[in-house]
Amino acid sequence: MSDWFLNLSIPWMALIIFAATYVVAACVYLVVVRLAVGERARAFKAFSPGMLPPLGIIFGLLVGEVAVSRAMNWHLPLANSQVQTQT
């Protein structure tokens, strides 16, 4: 990721993240609406809305785990060098 994004203030960063999420959700919605015609409409309706919250929770846990593991390894060389230079 570019430094410009990491140097933004928290409100601007949140606004960009929410806008990107909105655009992705709108694209998914448009794809589903365009595909859900005729026989495919029954296939889309067969998927229970009750499955969406567990799928969202699993996706959230996966994203959180990836973010934490990447954050822990991101500054590992810097941390190791600082520990080695301590007296």
PDB file of N, CA and C in Angstrom:
ATOM      1  N   MET A   1       0.843  -1.172   0.000  1.00  0.00           N
ATOM      2  CA  MET A   1       0.000   0.000   0.000  1.00  0.00           C
ATOM      3  C   MET A   1       0.888   1.235   0.000  1.00  0.00           C
ATOM      4  N   SER A   2       0.425   2.249  -0.633  1.00  0.00           N
ATOM      5  CA  SER A   2       1.206   3.485  -0.743  1.00  0.00           C
ATOM      6  C   SER A   2       1.253   4.226   0.587  1.00  0.00           C
ATOM      7  N   ASP A   3       2.248   5.072   0.712  1.00  0.00           N
ATOM      8  CA  ASP A   3       2.397   5.855   1.936  1.00  0.00           C
ATOM      9  C   ASP A   3       1.320   6.922   2.068  1.00  0.00           C
ATOM     10  N   TRP A   4       0.756   7.385   0.950  1.00  0.00           N
ATOM     11  CA  TRP A   4      -0.250   8.439   1.029  1.00  0.00           C
ATOM     12  C   TRP A   4      -1.442   7.985   1.848  1.00  0.00           C
ATOM     13  N   PHE A   5      -1.812   6.712   1.727  1.00  0.00           N
ATOM     14  CA  PHE A   5      -2.956   6.210   2.479  1.00  0.00           C
ATOM     15  C   PHE A   5      -2.625   6.094   3.964  1.00  0.00           C
ATOM     16  N   LEU A   6      -1.429   5.637   4.256  1.00  0.00           N
ATOM     17  CA  LEU A   6      -1.030   5.466   5.652  1.00  0.00           C
ATOM     18  C   LEU A   6      -0.807   6.791   6.364  1.00  0.00           C
ATOM     19  N   ASN A   7      -0.573   7.854   5.610  1.00  0.00           N
ATOM     20  CA  ASN A   7      -0.343   9.168   6.201  1.00  0.00           C
ATOM     21  C   ASN A   7      -1.613  10.001   6.349  1.00  0.00           C
ATOM     22  N   LEU A   8      -2.754   9.463   5.923  1.00  0.00           N
ATOM     23  CA  LEU A   8      -4.013  10.191   6.063  1.00  0.00           C
ATOM     24  C   LEU A   8      -4.456  10.238   7.517  1.00  0.00           C
ATOM     25  N   SER A   9      -5.283  11.218   7.820  1.00  0.00           N
ATOM     26  CA  SER A   9      -5.873  11.259   9.160  1.00  0.00           C
ATOM     27  C   SER A   9      -6.946  10.165   9.261  1.00  0.00           C
ATOM     28  N   ILE A  10      -7.313   9.838  10.476  1.00  0.00           N
ATOM     29  CA  ILE A  10      -8.260   8.743  10.707  1.00  0.00           C
ATOM     30  C   ILE A  10      -9.607   8.992  10.029  1.00  0.00           C
ATOM     31  N   PRO A  11     -10.190  10.187  10.101  1.00  0.00           N
ATOM     32  CA  PRO A  11     -11.482  10.383   9.413  1.00  0.00           C
ATOM     33  C   PRO A  11     -11.395  10.181   7.895  1.00  0.00           C
ATOM     34  N   TRP A  12     -10.327  10.679   7.266  1.00  0.00           N
ATOM     35  CA  TRP A  12     -10.187  10.491   5.828  1.00  0.00           C
ATOM     36  C   TRP A  12      -9.958   9.027   5.485  1.00  0.00           C
ATOM     37  N   MET A  13      -9.164   8.341   6.289  1.00  0.00           N
ATOM     38  CA  MET A  13      -8.915   6.926   6.050  1.00  0.00           C
ATOM     39  C   MET A  13     -10.212   6.129   6.182  1.00  0.00           C
ATOM     40  N   ALA A  14     -11.003   6.451   7.201  1.00  0.00           N
ATOM     41  CA  ALA A  14     -12.285   5.764   7.387  1.00  0.00           C
ATOM     42  C   ALA A  14     -13.221   6.042   6.222  1.00  0.00           C
ATOM     43  N   LEU A  15     -13.243   7.287   5.756  1.00  0.00           N
ATOM     44  CA  LEU A  15     -14.100   7.637   4.624  1.00  0.00           C
ATOM     45  C   LEU A  15     -13.709   6.864   3.363  1.00  0.00           C
ATOM     46  N   ILE A  16     -12.431   6.752   3.092  1.00  0.00           N
ATOM     47  CA  ILE A  16     -11.971   6.015   1.912  1.00  0.00           C
ATOM     48  C   ILE A  16     -12.297   4.532   2.040  1.00  0.00           C
ATOM     49  N   ILE A  17     -12.120   3.966   3.227  1.00  0.00           N
ATOM     50  CA  ILE A  17     -12.419   2.544   3.426  1.00  0.00           C
ATOM     51  C   ILE A  17     -13.908   2.295   3.269  1.00  0.00           C
ATOM     52  N   PHE A  18     -14.748   3.149   3.856  1.00  0.00           N
ATOM     53  CA  PHE A  18     -16.200   2.976   3.715  1.00  0.00           C
ATOM     54  C   PHE A  18     -16.644   3.157   2.268  1.00  0.00           C
ATOM     55  N   ALA A  19     -16.054   4.117   1.562  1.00  0.00           N
ATOM     56  CA  ALA A  19     -16.409   4.326   0.157  1.00  0.00           C
ATOM     57  C   ALA A  19     -16.013   3.124  -0.693  1.00  0.00           C
ATOM     58  N   ALA A  20     -14.832   2.577  -0.440  1.00  0.00           N
ATOM     59  CA  ALA A  20     -14.395   1.396  -1.187  1.00  0.00           C
ATOM     60  C   ALA A  20     -15.299   0.202  -0.892  1.00  0.00           C
ATOM     61  N   THR A  21     -15.694   0.044   0.364  1.00  0.00           N
ATOM     62  CA  THR A  21     -16.605  -1.042   0.730  1.00  0.00           C
ATOM     63  C   THR A  21     -17.954  -0.869   0.043  1.00  0.00           C
ATOM     64  N   TYR A  22     -18.433   0.368  -0.023  1.00  0.00           N
ATOM     65  CA  TYR A  22     -19.707   0.652  -0.683  1.00  0.00           C
ATOM     66  C   TYR A  22     -19.628   0.320  -2.171  1.00  0.00           C
ATOM     67  N   VAL A  23     -18.529   0.690  -2.812  1.00  0.00           N
ATOM     68  CA  VAL A  23     -18.372   0.412  -4.244  1.00  0.00           C
ATOM     69  C   VAL A  23     -18.326  -1.082  -4.503  1.00  0.00           C
ATOM     70  N   VAL A  24     -17.599  -1.831  -3.679  1.00  0.00           N
ATOM     71  CA  VAL A  24     -17.527  -3.284  -3.850  1.00  0.00           C
ATOM     72  C   VAL A  24     -18.900  -3.915  -3.642  1.00  0.00           C
ATOM     73  N   ALA A  25     -19.624  -3.480  -2.606  1.00  0.00           N
ATOM     74  CA  ALA A  25     -20.962  -4.024  -2.356  1.00  0.00           C
ATOM     75  C   ALA A  25     -21.907  -3.699  -3.499  1.00  0.00           C
ATOM     76  N   ALA A  26     -21.811  -2.495  -4.052  1.00  0.00           N
ATOM     77  CA  ALA A  26     -22.661  -2.127  -5.188  1.00  0.00           C
ATOM     78  C   ALA A  26     -22.342  -2.979  -6.411  1.00  0.00           C
ATOM     79  N   CYS A  27     -21.088  -3.251  -6.643  1.00  0.00           N
ATOM     80  CA  CYS A  27     -20.701  -4.106  -7.776  1.00  0.00           C
ATOM     81  C   CYS A  27     -21.225  -5.520  -7.596  1.00  0.00           C
ATOM     82  N   VAL A  28     -21.102  -6.067  -6.399  1.00  0.00           N
ATOM     83  CA  VAL A  28     -21.625  -7.410  -6.134  1.00  0.00           C
ATOM     84  C   VAL A  28     -23.131  -7.435  -6.337  1.00  0.00           C
ATOM     85  N   TYR A  29     -23.819  -6.411  -5.845  1.00  0.00           N
ATOM     86  CA  TYR A  29     -25.267  -6.328  -6.014  1.00  0.00           C
ATOM     87  C   TYR A  29     -25.653  -6.292  -7.486  1.00  0.00           C
ATOM     88  N   LEU A  30     -24.968  -5.470  -8.265  1.00  0.00           N
ATOM     89  CA  LEU A  30     -25.287  -5.374  -9.684  1.00  0.00           C
ATOM     90  C   LEU A  30     -25.028  -6.689 -10.419  1.00  0.00           C
ATOM     91  N   VAL A  31     -23.955  -7.372 -10.081  1.00  0.00           N
ATOM     92  CA  VAL A  31     -23.672  -8.670 -10.708  1.00  0.00           C
ATOM     93  C   VAL A  31     -24.761  -9.673 -10.371  1.00  0.00           C
ATOM     94  N   VAL A  32     -25.178  -9.726  -9.119  1.00  0.00           N
ATOM     95  CA  VAL A  32     -26.211 -10.683  -8.709  1.00  0.00           C
ATOM     96  C   VAL A  32     -27.541 -10.355  -9.375  1.00  0.00           C
ATOM     97  N   VAL A  33     -27.892  -9.085  -9.439  1.00  0.00           N
ATOM     98  CA  VAL A  33     -29.160  -8.694 -10.067  1.00  0.00           C
ATOM     99  C   VAL A  33     -29.159  -9.050 -11.552  1.00  0.00           C
ATOM    100  N   ARG A  34     -28.039  -8.840 -12.207  1.00  0.00           N
ATOM    101  CA  ARG A  34     -27.964  -9.153 -13.637  1.00  0.00           C
ATOM    102  C   ARG A  34     -27.981 -10.663 -13.885  1.00  0.00           C
ATOM    103  N   LEU A  35     -27.399 -11.437 -12.986  1.00  0.00           N
ATOM    104  CA  LEU A  35     -27.364 -12.887 -13.167  1.00  0.00           C
ATOM    105  C   LEU A  35     -28.651 -13.574 -12.728  1.00  0.00           C
ATOM    106  N   ALA A  36     -29.410 -12.962 -11.852  1.00  0.00           N
ATOM    107  CA  ALA A  36     -30.599 -13.603 -11.280  1.00  0.00           C
ATOM    108  C   ALA A  36     -31.807 -13.431 -12.200  1.00  0.00           C
ATOM    109  N   VAL A  37     -31.770 -14.092 -13.337  1.00  0.00           N
ATOM    110  CA  VAL A  37     -32.906 -14.091 -14.255  1.00  0.00           C
ATOM    111  C   VAL A  37     -33.207 -15.536 -14.661  1.00  0.00           C
ATOM    112  N   GLY A  38     -34.478 -15.823 -14.832  1.00  0.00           N
ATOM    113  CA  GLY A  38     -34.883 -17.147 -15.296  1.00  0.00           C
ATOM    114  C   GLY A  38     -34.562 -18.247 -14.303  1.00  0.00           C
ATOM    115  N   GLU A  39     -33.888 -19.271 -14.812  1.00  0.00           N
ATOM    116  CA  GLU A  39     -33.543 -20.431 -13.979  1.00  0.00           C
ATOM    117  C   GLU A  39     -32.565 -20.072 -12.864  1.00  0.00           C
ATOM    118  N   ARG A  40     -31.695 -19.144 -13.134  1.00  0.00           N
ATOM    119  CA  ARG A  40     -30.712 -18.770 -12.109  1.00  0.00           C
ATOM    120  C   ARG A  40     -31.367 -18.066 -10.934  1.00  0.00           C
ATOM    121  N   ALA A  41     -32.504 -17.441 -11.153  1.00  0.00           N
ATOM    122  CA  ALA A  41     -33.193 -16.739 -10.064  1.00  0.00           C
ATOM    123  C   ALA A  41     -33.573 -17.721  -8.969  1.00  0.00           C
ATOM    124  N   ARG A  42     -34.030 -18.909  -9.353  1.00  0.00           N
ATOM    125  CA  ARG A  42     -34.363 -19.921  -8.340  1.00  0.00           C
ATOM    126  C   ARG A  42     -33.128 -20.380  -7.576  1.00  0.00           C
ATOM    127  N   ALA A  43     -32.006 -20.476  -8.268  1.00  0.00           N
ATOM    128  CA  ALA A  43     -30.768 -20.883  -7.596  1.00  0.00           C
ATOM    129  C   ALA A  43     -30.327 -19.835  -6.580  1.00  0.00           C
ATOM    130  N   PHE A  44     -30.462 -18.559  -6.943  1.00  0.00           N
ATOM    131  CA  PHE A  44     -30.103 -17.499  -5.997  1.00  0.00           C
ATOM    132  C   PHE A  44     -31.072 -17.465  -4.812  1.00  0.00           C
ATOM    133  N   LYS A  45     -32.343 -17.728  -5.072  1.00  0.00           N
ATOM    134  CA  LYS A  45     -33.319 -17.720  -3.990  1.00  0.00           C
ATOM    135  C   LYS A  45     -33.175 -18.938  -3.088  1.00  0.00           C
ATOM    136  N   ALA A  46     -32.565 -20.004  -3.579  1.00  0.00           N
ATOM    137  CA  ALA A  46     -32.386 -21.213  -2.773  1.00  0.00           C
ATOM    138  C   ALA A  46     -31.365 -20.995  -1.658  1.00  0.00           C
ATOM    139  N   PHE A  47     -30.489 -20.014  -1.817  1.00  0.00           N
ATOM    140  CA  PHE A  47     -29.501 -19.713  -0.784  1.00  0.00           C
ATOM    141  C   PHE A  47     -30.196 -18.946   0.338  1.00  0.00           C
ATOM    142  N   SER A  48     -30.211 -19.529   1.505  1.00  0.00           N
ATOM    143  CA  SER A  48     -30.943 -18.953   2.628  1.00  0.00           C
ATOM    144  C   SER A  48     -30.250 -17.698   3.167  1.00  0.00           C
ATOM    145  N   PRO A  49     -31.014 -16.639   3.420  1.00  0.00           N
ATOM    146  CA  PRO A  49     -30.415 -15.449   4.034  1.00  0.00           C
ATOM    147  C   PRO A  49     -29.863 -15.728   5.431  1.00  0.00           C
ATOM    148  N   GLY A  50     -30.330 -16.796   6.061  1.00  0.00           N
ATOM    149  CA  GLY A  50     -29.808 -17.154   7.372  1.00  0.00           C
ATOM    150  C   GLY A  50     -28.357 -17.589   7.343  1.00  0.00           C
ATOM    151  N   MET A  51     -27.831 -17.883   6.156  1.00  0.00           N
ATOM    152  CA  MET A  51     -26.427 -18.278   6.032  1.00  0.00           C
ATOM    153  C   MET A  51     -25.488 -17.080   5.984  1.00  0.00           C
ATOM    154  N   LEU A  52     -26.022 -15.905   5.717  1.00  0.00           N
ATOM    155  CA  LEU A  52     -25.153 -14.744   5.554  1.00  0.00           C
ATOM    156  C   LEU A  52     -24.451 -14.301   6.845  1.00  0.00           C
ATOM    157  N   PRO A  53     -25.129 -14.243   8.009  1.00  0.00           N
ATOM    158  CA  PRO A  53     -24.391 -13.838   9.216  1.00  0.00           C
ATOM    159  C   PRO A  53     -23.234 -14.768   9.584  1.00  0.00           C
ATOM    160  N   PRO A  54     -23.405 -16.104   9.544  1.00  0.00           N
ATOM    161  CA  PRO A  54     -22.238 -16.948   9.835  1.00  0.00           C
ATOM    162  C   PRO A  54     -21.109 -16.781   8.813  1.00  0.00           C
ATOM    163  N   LEU A  55     -21.466 -16.608   7.550  1.00  0.00           N
ATOM    164  CA  LEU A  55     -20.430 -16.385   6.540  1.00  0.00           C
ATOM    165  C   LEU A  55     -19.718 -15.067   6.789  1.00  0.00           C
ATOM    166  N   GLY A  56     -20.454 -14.045   7.195  1.00  0.00           N
ATOM    167  CA  GLY A  56     -19.841 -12.756   7.503  1.00  0.00           C
ATOM    168  C   GLY A  56     -18.911 -12.843   8.700  1.00  0.00           C
ATOM    169  N   ILE A  57     -19.316 -13.601   9.708  1.00  0.00           N
ATOM    170  CA  ILE A  57     -18.465 -13.769  10.893  1.00  0.00           C
ATOM    171  C   ILE A  57     -17.185 -14.513  10.534  1.00  0.00           C
ATOM    172  N   ILE A  58     -17.304 -15.568   9.748  1.00  0.00           N
ATOM    173  CA  ILE A  58     -16.119 -16.322   9.333  1.00  0.00           C
ATOM    174  C   ILE A  58     -15.191 -15.446   8.501  1.00  0.00           C
ATOM    175  N   PHE A  59     -15.766 -14.659   7.581  1.00  0.00           N
ATOM    176  CA  PHE A  59     -14.948 -13.765   6.766  1.00  0.00           C
ATOM    177  C   PHE A  59     -14.262 -12.718   7.642  1.00  0.00           C
ATOM    178  N   GLY A  60     -14.985 -12.160   8.604  1.00  0.00           N
ATOM    179  CA  GLY A  60     -14.401 -11.176   9.505  1.00  0.00           C
ATOM    180  C   GLY A  60     -13.257 -11.743  10.331  1.00  0.00           C
ATOM    181  N   LEU A  61     -13.434 -12.961  10.825  1.00  0.00           N
ATOM    182  CA  LEU A  61     -12.365 -13.610  11.583  1.00  0.00           C
ATOM    183  C   LEU A  61     -11.146 -13.867  10.702  1.00  0.00           C
ATOM    184  N   LEU A  62     -11.388 -14.277   9.468  1.00  0.00           N
ATOM    185  CA  LEU A  62     -10.280 -14.517   8.548  1.00  0.00           C
ATOM    186  C   LEU A  62      -9.523 -13.223   8.249  1.00  0.00           C
ATOM    187  N   VAL A  63     -10.242 -12.157   7.964  1.00  0.00           N
ATOM    188  CA  VAL A  63      -9.593 -10.868   7.684  1.00  0.00           C
ATOM    189  C   VAL A  63      -8.839 -10.376   8.916  1.00  0.00           C
ATOM    190  N   GLY A  64      -9.435 -10.515  10.092  1.00  0.00           N
ATOM    191  CA  GLY A  64      -8.757 -10.102  11.322  1.00  0.00           C
ATOM    192  C   GLY A  64      -7.486 -10.890  11.573  1.00  0.00           C
ATOM    193  N   GLU A  65      -7.535 -12.184  11.350  1.00  0.00           N
ATOM    194  CA  GLU A  65      -6.355 -13.030  11.559  1.00  0.00           C
ATOM    195  C   GLU A  65      -5.238 -12.653  10.584  1.00  0.00           C
ATOM    196  N   VAL A  66      -5.599 -12.439   9.333  1.00  0.00           N
ATOM    197  CA  VAL A  66      -4.591 -12.055   8.339  1.00  0.00           C
ATOM    198  C   VAL A  66      -3.999 -10.697   8.690  1.00  0.00           C
ATOM    199  N   ALA A  67      -4.820  -9.754   9.108  1.00  0.00           N
ATOM    200  CA  ALA A  67      -4.320  -8.420   9.450  1.00  0.00           C
ATOM    201  C   ALA A  67      -3.380  -8.474  10.639  1.00  0.00           C
ATOM    202  N   VAL A  68      -3.738  -9.238  11.658  1.00  0.00           N
ATOM    203  CA  VAL A  68      -2.890  -9.325  12.852  1.00  0.00           C
ATOM    204  C   VAL A  68      -1.587 -10.031  12.527  1.00  0.00           C
ATOM    205  N   SER A  69      -1.647 -11.118  11.757  1.00  0.00           N
ATOM    206  CA  SER A  69      -0.412 -11.839  11.448  1.00  0.00           C
ATOM    207  C   SER A  69       0.518 -11.001  10.578  1.00  0.00           C
ATOM    208  N   ARG A  70      -0.058 -10.221   9.644  1.00  0.00           N
ATOM    209  CA  ARG A  70       0.788  -9.356   8.816  1.00  0.00           C
ATOM    210  C   ARG A  70       1.359  -8.205   9.639  1.00  0.00           C
ATOM    211  N   ALA A  71       0.585  -7.675  10.566  1.00  0.00           N
ATOM    212  CA  ALA A  71       1.070  -6.577  11.397  1.00  0.00           C
ATOM    213  C   ALA A  71       2.182  -7.055  12.329  1.00  0.00           C
ATOM    214  N   MET A  72       2.069  -8.276  12.811  1.00  0.00           N
ATOM    215  CA  MET A  72       3.100  -8.794  13.717  1.00  0.00           C
ATOM    216  C   MET A  72       4.415  -9.034  12.972  1.00  0.00           C
ATOM    217  N   ASN A  73       4.344  -9.408  11.719  1.00  0.00           N
ATOM    218  CA  ASN A  73       5.561  -9.703  10.958  1.00  0.00           C
ATOM    219  C   ASN A  73       6.089  -8.501  10.194  1.00  0.00           C
ATOM    220  N   TRP A  74       5.339  -7.410  10.164  1.00  0.00           N
ATOM    221  CA  TRP A  74       5.702  -6.273   9.350  1.00  0.00           C
ATOM    222  C   TRP A  74       6.988  -5.609   9.834  1.00  0.00           C
ATOM    223  N   HIS A  75       7.090  -5.373  11.126  1.00  0.00           N
ATOM    224  CA  HIS A  75       8.250  -4.675  11.675  1.00  0.00           C
ATOM    225  C   HIS A  75       9.186  -5.625  12.409  1.00  0.00           C
ATOM    226  N   LEU A  76       9.131  -6.900  12.089  1.00  0.00           N
ATOM    227  CA  LEU A  76       9.973  -7.870  12.773  1.00  0.00           C
ATOM    228  C   LEU A  76      11.466  -7.607  12.562  1.00  0.00           C
ATOM    229  N   PRO A  77      11.935  -7.335  11.343  1.00  0.00           N
ATOM    230  CA  PRO A  77      13.373  -7.047  11.203  1.00  0.00           C
ATOM    231  C   PRO A  77      13.807  -5.802  11.982  1.00  0.00           C
ATOM    232  N   LEU A  78      12.974  -4.780  11.990  1.00  0.00           N
ATOM    233  CA  LEU A  78      13.294  -3.572  12.743  1.00  0.00           C
ATOM    234  C   LEU A  78      13.338  -3.878  14.240  1.00  0.00           C
ATOM    235  N   ALA A  79      12.385  -4.642  14.718  1.00  0.00           N
ATOM    236  CA  ALA A  79      12.357  -4.995  16.138  1.00  0.00           C
ATOM    237  C   ALA A  79      13.573  -5.837  16.503  1.00  0.00           C
ATOM    238  N   ASN A  80      13.927  -6.781  15.647  1.00  0.00           N
ATOM    239  CA  ASN A  80      15.106  -7.627  15.933  1.00  0.00           C
ATOM    240  C   ASN A  80      16.373  -6.781  15.978  1.00  0.00           C
ATOM    241  N   SER A  81      16.521  -5.856  15.062  1.00  0.00           N
ATOM    242  CA  SER A  81      17.737  -5.035  15.063  1.00  0.00           C
ATOM    243  C   SER A  81      17.794  -4.135  16.298  1.00  0.00           C
ATOM    244  N   GLN A  82      16.662  -3.634  16.746  1.00  0.00           N
ATOM    245  CA  GLN A  82      16.654  -2.800  17.936  1.00  0.00           C
ATOM    246  C   GLN A  82      16.947  -3.608  19.194  1.00  0.00           C
ATOM    247  N   VAL A  83      16.485  -4.830  19.247  1.00  0.00           N
ATOM    248  CA  VAL A  83      16.782  -5.680  20.401  1.00  0.00           C
ATOM    249  C   VAL A  83      18.254  -6.032  20.437  1.00  0.00           C
ATOM    250  N   GLN A  84      18.821  -6.288  19.278  1.00  0.00           N
ATOM    251  CA  GLN A  84      20.252  -6.668  19.230  1.00  0.00           C
ATOM    252  C   GLN A  84      21.163  -5.498  19.570  1.00  0.00           C
ATOM    253  N   THR A  85      20.728  -4.273  19.317  1.00  0.00           N
ATOM    254  CA  THR A  85      21.589  -3.115  19.607  1.00  0.00           C
ATOM    255  C   THR A  85      21.422  -2.621  21.038  1.00  0.00           C
ATOM    256  N   GLN A  86      20.494  -3.172  21.795  1.00  0.00           N
ATOM    257  CA  GLN A  86      20.329  -2.749  23.189  1.00  0.00           C
ATOM    258  C   GLN A  86      21.499  -3.255  24.016  1.00  0.00           C
ATOM    259  N   THR A  87      21.859  -2.479  25.018  1.00  0.00           N
ATOM    260  CA  THR A  87      22.957  -2.900  25.897  1.00  0.00           C
ATOM    261  C   THR A  87      22.448  -3.367  27.223  1.00  0.00           C
TER     262      THR A  87
END
